[in-house]
C-alpha atoms as a PDB file:
ATOM      1  CA  UNK A   1     127.476 102.410  74.029  1.00  0.00           C
ATOM      2  CA  UNK A   2     129.713 104.636  76.143  1.00  0.00           C
ATOM      3  CA  UNK A   3     132.091 102.720  78.434  1.00  0.00           C
ATOM      4  CA  UNK A   4     130.943 104.458  81.703  1.00  0.00           C
ATOM      5  CA  UNK A   5     127.298 103.735  80.842  1.00  0.00           C
ATOM      6  CA  UNK A   6     128.114 100.121  79.987  1.00  0.00           C
ATOM      7  CA  UNK A   7     129.879  99.675  83.328  1.00  0.00           C
ATOM      8  CA  UNK A   8     126.965 101.348  85.129  1.00  0.00           C
ATOM      9  CA  UNK A   9     124.450  98.997  83.515  1.00  0.00           C
ATOM     10  CA  UNK A  10     126.489  95.878  84.297  1.00  0.00           C
ATOM     11  CA  UNK A  11     126.940  96.794  87.972  1.00  0.00           C
ATOM     12  CA  UNK A  12     123.260  97.800  88.201  1.00  0.00           C
ATOM     13  CA  UNK A  13     122.217  94.419  86.762  1.00  0.00           C
ATOM     14  CA  UNK A  14     124.252  92.656  89.460  1.00  0.00           C
ATOM     15  CA  UNK A  15     122.592  94.786  92.154  1.00  0.00           C
ATOM     16  CA  UNK A  16     119.133  94.003  90.728  1.00  0.00           C
ATOM     17  CA  UNK A  17     119.817  90.245  90.766  1.00  0.00           C
ATOM     18  CA  UNK A  18     121.104  90.424  94.355  1.00  0.00           C
ATOM     19  CA  UNK A  19     118.051  92.466  95.380  1.00  0.00           C
ATOM     20  CA  UNK A  20     115.631  89.901  93.917  1.00  0.00           C
ATOM     21  CA  UNK A  21     117.373  87.014  95.661  1.00  0.00           C
ATOM     22  CA  UNK A  22     117.689  88.813  98.993  1.00  0.00           C
ATOM     23  CA  UNK A  23     114.082  90.002  99.040  1.00  0.00           C
ATOM     24  CA  UNK A  24     112.174  87.065  97.577  1.00  0.00           C
ATOM     25  CA  UNK A  25     114.300  83.927  98.011  1.00  0.00           C
ATOM     26  CA  UNK A  26     116.620  84.383 100.976  1.00  0.00           C
ATOM     27  CA  UNK A  27     115.585  83.920 104.637  1.00  0.00           C
ATOM     28  CA  UNK A  28     114.991  86.983 106.802  1.00  0.00           C
ATOM     29  CA  UNK A  29     118.376  86.700 108.537  1.00  0.00           C
ATOM     30  CA  UNK A  30     120.077  87.103 105.151  1.00  0.00           C
ATOM     31  CA  UNK A  31     117.901  90.121 104.295  1.00  0.00           C
ATOM     32  CA  UNK A  32     118.748  91.586 107.706  1.00  0.00           C
ATOM     33  CA  UNK A  33     122.470  90.982 107.130  1.00  0.00           C
ATOM     34  CA  UNK A  34     122.400  92.750 103.771  1.00  0.00           C
ATOM     35  CA  UNK A  35     120.647  95.774 105.277  1.00  0.00           C
ATOM     36  CA  UNK A  36     123.199  95.765 108.094  1.00  0.00           C
ATOM     37  CA  UNK A  37     126.186  95.620 105.723  1.00  0.00           C
ATOM     38  CA  UNK A  38     124.886  98.239 103.281  1.00  0.00           C
ATOM     39  CA  UNK A  39     123.975 100.659 106.061  1.00  0.00           C
ATOM     40  CA  UNK A  40     127.418 100.166 107.648  1.00  0.00           C
ATOM     41  CA  UNK A  41     129.183 100.935 104.356  1.00  0.00           C
ATOM     42  CA  UNK A  42     126.888 103.918 103.763  1.00  0.00           C
ATOM     43  CA  UNK A  43     127.557 105.296 107.251  1.00  0.00           C
ATOM     44  CA  UNK A  44     131.299 104.750 106.831  1.00  0.00           C
ATOM     45  CA  UNK A  45     131.176 106.777 103.604  1.00  0.00           C
ATOM     46  CA  UNK A  46     129.142 109.519 105.284  1.00  0.00           C
ATOM     47  CA  UNK A  47     131.550 109.798 108.213  1.00  0.00           C
ATOM     48  CA  UNK A  48     134.421 109.855 105.751  1.00  0.00           C
ATOM     49  CA  UNK A  49     132.810 112.867 104.050  1.00  0.00           C
ATOM     50  CA  UNK A  50     132.474 114.565 107.434  1.00  0.00           C
ATOM     51  CA  UNK A  51     136.153 113.963 108.163  1.00  0.00           C
ATOM     52  CA  UNK A  52     137.055 115.739 104.936  1.00  0.00           C
ATOM     53  CA  UNK A  53     135.763 118.878 106.681  1.00  0.00           C
ATOM     54  CA  UNK A  54     138.318 118.267 109.469  1.00  0.00           C
ATOM     55  CA  UNK A  55     135.603 117.398 111.981  1.00  0.00           C
ATOM     56  CA  UNK A  56     136.890 114.764 114.456  1.00  0.00           C
ATOM     57  CA  UNK A  57     134.129 112.170 114.290  1.00  0.00           C
ATOM     58  CA  UNK A  58     134.964 108.770 115.768  1.00  0.00           C
ATOM     59  CA  UNK A  59     134.348 106.496 112.804  1.00  0.00           C
ATOM     60  CA  UNK A  60     134.825 103.105 114.580  1.00  0.00           C
ATOM     61  CA  UNK A  61     132.451 104.056 117.412  1.00  0.00           C
ATOM     62  CA  UNK A  62     129.965 105.446 114.911  1.00  0.00           C
ATOM     63  CA  UNK A  63     129.972 102.136 113.031  1.00  0.00           C
ATOM     64  CA  UNK A  64     129.451 100.145 116.250  1.00  0.00           C
ATOM     65  CA  UNK A  65     126.509 102.359 117.231  1.00  0.00           C
ATOM     66  CA  UNK A  66     125.126 102.129 113.695  1.00  0.00           C
ATOM     67  CA  UNK A  67     125.224  98.333 113.794  1.00  0.00           C
ATOM     68  CA  UNK A  68     123.440  98.346 117.177  1.00  0.00           C
ATOM     69  CA  UNK A  69     120.805 100.729 115.829  1.00  0.00           C
ATOM     70  CA  UNK A  70     119.983  98.476 112.870  1.00  0.00           C
ATOM     71  CA  UNK A  71     119.974  95.417 115.149  1.00  0.00           C
ATOM     72  CA  UNK A  72     117.289  96.943 117.389  1.00  0.00           C
ATOM     73  CA  UNK A  73     115.093  98.407 114.615  1.00  0.00           C
ATOM     74  CA  UNK A  74     112.902  95.285 114.195  1.00  0.00           C
ATOM     75  CA  UNK A  75     112.093  95.363 117.937  1.00  0.00           C
ATOM     76  CA  UNK A  76     111.188  99.068 117.861  1.00  0.00           C
ATOM     77  CA  UNK A  77     113.925 100.010 120.375  1.00  0.00           C
ATOM     78  CA  UNK A  78     115.893 102.308 118.060  1.00  0.00           C
ATOM     79  CA  UNK A  79     115.227 105.388 120.228  1.00  0.00           C
ATOM     80  CA  UNK A  80     117.108 103.731 123.110  1.00  0.00           C
ATOM     81  CA  UNK A  81     120.187 103.276 120.918  1.00  0.00           C
ATOM     82  CA  UNK A  82     120.022 106.867 119.695  1.00  0.00           C
ATOM     83  CA  UNK A  83     119.908 108.093 123.300  1.00  0.00           C
ATOM     84  CA  UNK A  84     122.838 105.817 124.135  1.00  0.00           C
ATOM     85  CA  UNK A  85     124.711 107.151 121.098  1.00  0.00           C
ATOM     86  CA  UNK A  86     124.379 110.739 122.308  1.00  0.00           C
ATOM     87  CA  UNK A  87     125.703 109.770 125.744  1.00  0.00           C
ATOM     88  CA  UNK A  88     128.624 107.679 124.459  1.00  0.00           C
ATOM     89  CA  UNK A  89     129.713 110.220 121.848  1.00  0.00           C
ATOM     90  CA  UNK A  90     129.659 113.130 124.283  1.00  0.00           C
ATOM     91  CA  UNK A  91     131.688 111.119 126.834  1.00  0.00           C
ATOM     92  CA  UNK A  92     134.271 110.290 124.172  1.00  0.00           C
ATOM     93  CA  UNK A  93     134.712 114.007 123.483  1.00  0.00           C
ATOM     94  CA  UNK A  94     135.682 114.708 127.094  1.00  0.00           C
ATOM     95  CA  UNK A  95     139.174 114.330 125.655  1.00  0.00           C
ATOM     96  CA  UNK A  96     140.689 117.831 125.567  1.00  0.00           C
ATOM     97  CA  UNK A  97     142.017 117.273 122.030  1.00  0.00           C
ATOM     98  CA  UNK A  98     138.541 117.165 120.502  1.00  0.00           C
ATOM     99  CA  UNK A  99     136.377 119.071 122.976  1.00  0.00           C
ATOM    100  CA  UNK A 100     136.361 122.247 120.870  1.00  0.00           C
ATOM    101  CA  UNK A 101     134.359 120.418 118.187  1.00  0.00           C
ATOM    102  CA  UNK A 102     132.493 118.019 120.463  1.00  0.00           C
ATOM    103  CA  UNK A 103     129.062 119.461 119.678  1.00  0.00           C
ATOM    104  CA  UNK A 104     129.344 119.391 115.894  1.00  0.00           C
ATOM    105  CA  UNK A 105     131.105 116.005 115.843  1.00  0.00           C
ATOM    106  CA  UNK A 106     128.446 114.437 118.067  1.00  0.00           C
ATOM    107  CA  UNK A 107     125.600 116.060 116.144  1.00  0.00           C
ATOM    108  CA  UNK A 108     126.912 114.925 112.757  1.00  0.00           C
ATOM    109  CA  UNK A 109     127.539 111.373 113.946  1.00  0.00           C
ATOM    110  CA  UNK A 110     124.010 111.095 115.353  1.00  0.00           C
ATOM    111  CA  UNK A 111     122.674 112.651 112.145  1.00  0.00           C
ATOM    112  CA  UNK A 112     124.549 109.984 110.167  1.00  0.00           C
ATOM    113  CA  UNK A 113     123.026 107.243 112.319  1.00  0.00           C
ATOM    114  CA  UNK A 114     119.531 108.595 111.629  1.00  0.00           C
ATOM    115  CA  UNK A 115     120.077 109.541 107.979  1.00  0.00           C
ATOM    116  CA  UNK A 116     121.723 106.264 106.922  1.00  0.00           C
ATOM    117  CA  UNK A 117     121.147 103.450 109.427  1.00  0.00           C
ATOM    118  CA  UNK A 118     117.713 104.348 110.780  1.00  0.00           C
ATOM    119  CA  UNK A 119     116.120 105.494 107.530  1.00  0.00           C
ATOM    120  CA  UNK A 120     117.504 102.595 105.467  1.00  0.00           C
ATOM    121  CA  UNK A 121     116.745 100.216 108.333  1.00  0.00           C
ATOM    122  CA  UNK A 122     113.035 100.908 107.877  1.00  0.00           C
ATOM    123  CA  UNK A 123     113.226  98.293 105.105  1.00  0.00           C
ATOM    124  CA  UNK A 124     113.345  95.761 107.957  1.00  0.00           C
ATOM    125  CA  UNK A 125     110.072  97.139 109.336  1.00  0.00           C
ATOM    126  CA  UNK A 126     108.476  96.979 105.878  1.00  0.00           C
ATOM    127  CA  UNK A 127     109.741  93.442 105.280  1.00  0.00           C
ATOM    128  CA  UNK A 128     107.809  92.005 108.260  1.00  0.00           C
ATOM    129  CA  UNK A 129     104.504  93.652 107.267  1.00  0.00           C
ATOM    130  CA  UNK A 130     101.808  91.663 105.421  1.00  0.00           C
ATOM    131  CA  UNK A 131     102.941  91.483 101.766  1.00  0.00           C
ATOM    132  CA  UNK A 132     106.275  92.766 103.072  1.00  0.00           C
ATOM    133  CA  UNK A 133     108.444  91.415 100.258  1.00  0.00           C
ATOM    134  CA  UNK A 134     106.176  93.038  97.662  1.00  0.00           C
ATOM    135  CA  UNK A 135     106.335  96.372  99.507  1.00  0.00           C
ATOM    136  CA  UNK A 136     110.132  96.212  99.743  1.00  0.00           C
ATOM    137  CA  UNK A 137     110.245  95.562  96.001  1.00  0.00           C
ATOM    138  CA  UNK A 138     107.825  98.450  95.435  1.00  0.00           C
ATOM    139  CA  UNK A 139     110.000 100.805  97.510  1.00  0.00           C
ATOM    140  CA  UNK A 140     113.207  99.949  95.681  1.00  0.00           C
ATOM    141  CA  UNK A 141     111.591  99.768  92.239  1.00  0.00           C
ATOM    142  CA  UNK A 142     110.054 103.240  92.440  1.00  0.00           C
ATOM    143  CA  UNK A 143     113.068 104.970  93.996  1.00  0.00           C
ATOM    144  CA  UNK A 144     115.694 103.417  91.725  1.00  0.00           C
ATOM    145  CA  UNK A 145     113.412 103.230  88.686  1.00  0.00           C
ATOM    146  CA  UNK A 146     112.739 106.936  89.091  1.00  0.00           C
ATOM    147  CA  UNK A 147     116.515 107.460  89.303  1.00  0.00           C
ATOM    148  CA  UNK A 148     116.998 105.621  86.024  1.00  0.00           C
ATOM    149  CA  UNK A 149     114.163 107.549  84.364  1.00  0.00           C
ATOM    150  CA  UNK A 150     115.677 110.850  85.475  1.00  0.00           C
ATOM    151  CA  UNK A 151     119.160 109.807  84.314  1.00  0.00           C
ATOM    152  CA  UNK A 152     118.187 108.716  80.810  1.00  0.00           C
ATOM    153  CA  UNK A 153     115.663 111.514  80.264  1.00  0.00           C
ATOM    154  CA  UNK A 154     118.164 114.104  81.441  1.00  0.00           C
ATOM    155  CA  UNK A 155     120.906 112.595  79.290  1.00  0.00           C
ATOM    156  CA  UNK A 156     118.697 112.766  76.184  1.00  0.00           C
ATOM    157  CA  UNK A 157     116.576 115.879  76.728  1.00  0.00           C
ATOM    158  CA  UNK A 158     118.200 117.773  79.608  1.00  0.00           C
ATOM    159  CA  UNK A 159     118.607 121.478  78.873  1.00  0.00           C
ATOM    160  CA  UNK A 160     117.403 123.399  81.942  1.00  0.00           C
ATOM    161  CA  UNK A 161     119.484 123.076  85.104  1.00  0.00           C
ATOM    162  CA  UNK A 162     117.500 122.027  88.176  1.00  0.00           C
ATOM    163  CA  UNK A 163     119.640 123.315  91.078  1.00  0.00           C
ATOM    164  CA  UNK A 164     123.053 123.812  89.531  1.00  0.00           C
ATOM    165  CA  UNK A 165     124.893 124.844  92.694  1.00  0.00           C
ATOM    166  CA  UNK A 166     123.819 121.600  94.393  1.00  0.00           C
ATOM    167  CA  UNK A 167     124.017 119.118  91.501  1.00  0.00           C
ATOM    168  CA  UNK A 168     125.322 120.540  88.198  1.00  0.00           C
ATOM    169  CA  UNK A 169     124.284 117.542  86.089  1.00  0.00           C
ATOM    170  CA  UNK A 170     120.619 117.353  87.111  1.00  0.00           C
ATOM    171  CA  UNK A 171     118.030 118.985  84.860  1.00  0.00           C
ATOM    172  CA  UNK A 172     114.367 119.934  85.084  1.00  0.00           C
ATOM    173  CA  UNK A 173     113.662 117.626  82.147  1.00  0.00           C
ATOM    174  CA  UNK A 174     115.368 114.756  83.976  1.00  0.00           C
ATOM    175  CA  UNK A 175     113.335 115.442  87.112  1.00  0.00           C
ATOM    176  CA  UNK A 176     110.110 115.317  85.091  1.00  0.00           C
ATOM    177  CA  UNK A 177     111.228 112.072  83.454  1.00  0.00           C
ATOM    178  CA  UNK A 178     111.997 110.578  86.856  1.00  0.00           C
ATOM    179  CA  UNK A 179     108.608 111.653  88.202  1.00  0.00           C
ATOM    180  CA  UNK A 180     106.694 110.124  85.275  1.00  0.00           C
ATOM    181  CA  UNK A 181     108.737 106.905  85.438  1.00  0.00           C
ATOM    182  CA  UNK A 182     108.019 106.447  89.150  1.00  0.00           C
ATOM    183  CA  UNK A 183     104.325 107.168  88.613  1.00  0.00           C
ATOM    184  CA  UNK A 184     104.097 104.633  85.764  1.00  0.00           C
ATOM    185  CA  UNK A 185     105.909 101.981  87.834  1.00  0.00           C
ATOM    186  CA  UNK A 186     103.564 102.654  90.767  1.00  0.00           C
ATOM    187  CA  UNK A 187     100.481 102.093  88.618  1.00  0.00           C
ATOM    188  CA  UNK A 188     101.971  98.922  87.124  1.00  0.00           C
ATOM    189  CA  UNK A 189     102.578  97.688  90.677  1.00  0.00           C
ATOM    190  CA  UNK A 190      98.889  96.787  90.791  1.00  0.00           C
ATOM    191  CA  UNK A 191     100.067  93.556  89.109  1.00  0.00           C
ATOM    192  CA  UNK A 192     101.835  92.335  92.269  1.00  0.00           C
ATOM    193  CA  UNK A 193      99.912  94.392  94.859  1.00  0.00           C
ATOM    194  CA  UNK A 194      96.368  93.608  93.669  1.00  0.00           C
ATOM    195  CA  UNK A 195      94.829  94.297  97.103  1.00  0.00           C
ATOM    196  CA  UNK A 196      95.979  97.953  97.087  1.00  0.00           C
ATOM    197  CA  UNK A 197      93.531 100.496  95.581  1.00  0.00           C
ATOM    198  CA  UNK A 198      94.952 102.176  92.475  1.00  0.00           C
ATOM    199  CA  UNK A 199      94.511 105.630  94.019  1.00  0.00           C
ATOM    200  CA  UNK A 200      96.937 104.702  96.810  1.00  0.00           C
ATOM    201  CA  UNK A 201      99.501 103.356  94.340  1.00  0.00           C
ATOM    202  CA  UNK A 202      99.256 106.485  92.191  1.00  0.00           C
ATOM    203  CA  UNK A 203      99.522 108.793  95.204  1.00  0.00           C
ATOM    204  CA  UNK A 204     102.490 106.849  96.535  1.00  0.00           C
ATOM    205  CA  UNK A 205     104.072 107.023  93.090  1.00  0.00           C
ATOM    206  CA  UNK A 206     103.772 110.827  93.002  1.00  0.00           C
ATOM    207  CA  UNK A 207     105.077 111.294  96.547  1.00  0.00           C
ATOM    208  CA  UNK A 208     107.938 108.822  96.216  1.00  0.00           C
ATOM    209  CA  UNK A 209     108.967 110.461  92.937  1.00  0.00           C
ATOM    210  CA  UNK A 210     109.373 113.750  94.826  1.00  0.00           C
ATOM    211  CA  UNK A 211     110.910 112.314  98.008  1.00  0.00           C
ATOM    212  CA  UNK A 212     113.459 110.210  96.128  1.00  0.00           C
ATOM    213  CA  UNK A 213     114.649 113.184  94.090  1.00  0.00           C
ATOM    214  CA  UNK A 214     114.958 115.266  97.247  1.00  0.00           C
ATOM    215  CA  UNK A 215     116.996 112.404  98.732  1.00  0.00           C
ATOM    216  CA  UNK A 216     119.281 112.420  95.705  1.00  0.00           C
ATOM    217  CA  UNK A 217     119.734 116.192  95.931  1.00  0.00           C
ATOM    218  CA  UNK A 218     120.337 116.026  99.698  1.00  0.00           C
ATOM    219  CA  UNK A 219     123.205 113.578  99.228  1.00  0.00           C
ATOM    220  CA  UNK A 220     124.576 115.699  96.369  1.00  0.00           C
ATOM    221  CA  UNK A 221     124.583 118.673  98.745  1.00  0.00           C
ATOM    222  CA  UNK A 222     126.553 116.663 101.324  1.00  0.00           C
ATOM    223  CA  UNK A 223     129.116 115.564  98.725  1.00  0.00           C
ATOM    224  CA  UNK A 224     129.450 119.052  97.286  1.00  0.00           C
ATOM    225  CA  UNK A 225     130.039 120.453 100.768  1.00  0.00           C
ATOM    226  CA  UNK A 226     132.745 117.827 101.314  1.00  0.00           C
ATOM    227  CA  UNK A 227     134.285 118.629  97.929  1.00  0.00           C
ATOM    228  CA  UNK A 228     133.929 115.162  96.343  1.00  0.00           C
ATOM    229  CA  UNK A 229     132.124 113.794  93.293  1.00  0.00           C
ATOM    230  CA  UNK A 230     131.299 110.322  94.649  1.00  0.00           C
ATOM    231  CA  UNK A 231     130.788 109.015  98.181  1.00  0.00           C
ATOM    232  CA  UNK A 232     132.789 105.842  97.491  1.00  0.00           C
ATOM    233  CA  UNK A 233     134.278 103.623  94.813  1.00  0.00           C
ATOM    234  CA  UNK A 234     131.604 101.260  93.477  1.00  0.00           C
ATOM    235  CA  UNK A 235     132.437 100.882  89.740  1.00  0.00           C
ATOM    236  CA  UNK A 236     130.003 102.853  87.618  1.00  0.00           C
ATOM    237  CA  UNK A 237     127.812 103.926  90.531  1.00  0.00           C
ATOM    238  CA  UNK A 238     130.027 106.043  92.800  1.00  0.00           C
ATOM    239  CA  UNK A 239     129.561 104.754  96.340  1.00  0.00           C
ATOM    240  CA  UNK A 240     127.011 102.802  98.362  1.00  0.00           C
ATOM    241  CA  UNK A 241     125.636 106.086  99.696  1.00  0.00           C
ATOM    242  CA  UNK A 242     125.155 107.184  96.084  1.00  0.00           C
ATOM    243  CA  UNK A 243     123.147 103.998  95.512  1.00  0.00           C
ATOM    244  CA  UNK A 244     121.027 104.393  98.659  1.00  0.00           C
ATOM    245  CA  UNK A 245     120.432 108.165  98.561  1.00  0.00           C
ATOM    246  CA  UNK A 246     117.036 108.118  96.834  1.00  0.00           C
ATOM    247  CA  UNK A 247     115.792 105.443  99.251  1.00  0.00           C
ATOM    248  CA  UNK A 248     116.789 107.099 102.507  1.00  0.00           C
ATOM    249  CA  UNK A 249     114.011 109.687 102.630  1.00  0.00           C
ATOM    250  CA  UNK A 250     111.375 107.493 100.973  1.00  0.00           C
ATOM    251  CA  UNK A 251     111.498 104.218 102.936  1.00  0.00           C
ATOM    252  CA  UNK A 252     110.288 105.611 106.316  1.00  0.00           C
ATOM    253  CA  UNK A 253     107.526 107.510 104.523  1.00  0.00           C
ATOM    254  CA  UNK A 254     106.346 104.352 102.712  1.00  0.00           C
ATOM    255  CA  UNK A 255     106.289 102.406 105.992  1.00  0.00           C
ATOM    256  CA  UNK A 256     104.095 104.936 107.778  1.00  0.00           C
ATOM    257  CA  UNK A 257     101.847 105.413 104.737  1.00  0.00           C
ATOM    258  CA  UNK A 258     101.164 101.653 104.697  1.00  0.00           C
ATOM    259  CA  UNK A 259     100.311 101.699 108.404  1.00  0.00           C
ATOM    260  CA  UNK A 260      98.088 104.788 108.299  1.00  0.00           C
ATOM    261  CA  UNK A 261      96.273 103.807 105.077  1.00  0.00           C
ATOM    262  CA  UNK A 262      95.931 100.188 106.269  1.00  0.00           C
ATOM    263  CA  UNK A 263      96.921  98.761 102.902  1.00  0.00           C
END
């Protein structure tokens, strides 16, 4: 086994064990704390990528606002924090040294709050739903399982580049493998979500397979624009943002699908 792959599998196994404990065994405050910490690290990595473009974002203030945003997500008051963030960030750019880039710096910081903290924070909303722990597991299993399916299929059969200028290593064959893996995992989820009609699980599997791959490509686009390969330095996995990317666009969608479909 190749050394990078071995390291990737070991670190992934640790993440899986932590996920099981946090979701199924730990109290809600611990689950909340993990979401808070991961979103903070992810936002810090995102703002670091922005700074590589010489855009003067205020990373400490961004992290404070991000923590507040996640804190208020369970109460449904996240829009208040986003409005406050716009106000605070604009005021901070009244400084003449950064006013020339005030608009783009404020916009990118608020985007980071939405893209990382708000979207990932929807796991907190899912967690408190009926069968919440099972739905959190479903969300992570399909997004990351699809990632693994795409990785191994692409590594073995990948020939046709998917979108080379965005992510050179991703292939059409890998994307198909990821889609089929997510669909299979969704159907098998009937075992722990027996109350959910199979048609809903299959439809969710298809949609999540697409959304998660778009999320992966979106983060690849951000990294490529910043001129880096990884968002951080997690051994074998890149950065926390690299770990979360396929979840960020899927978790809010899953939450609203559950509410609308009443499942």
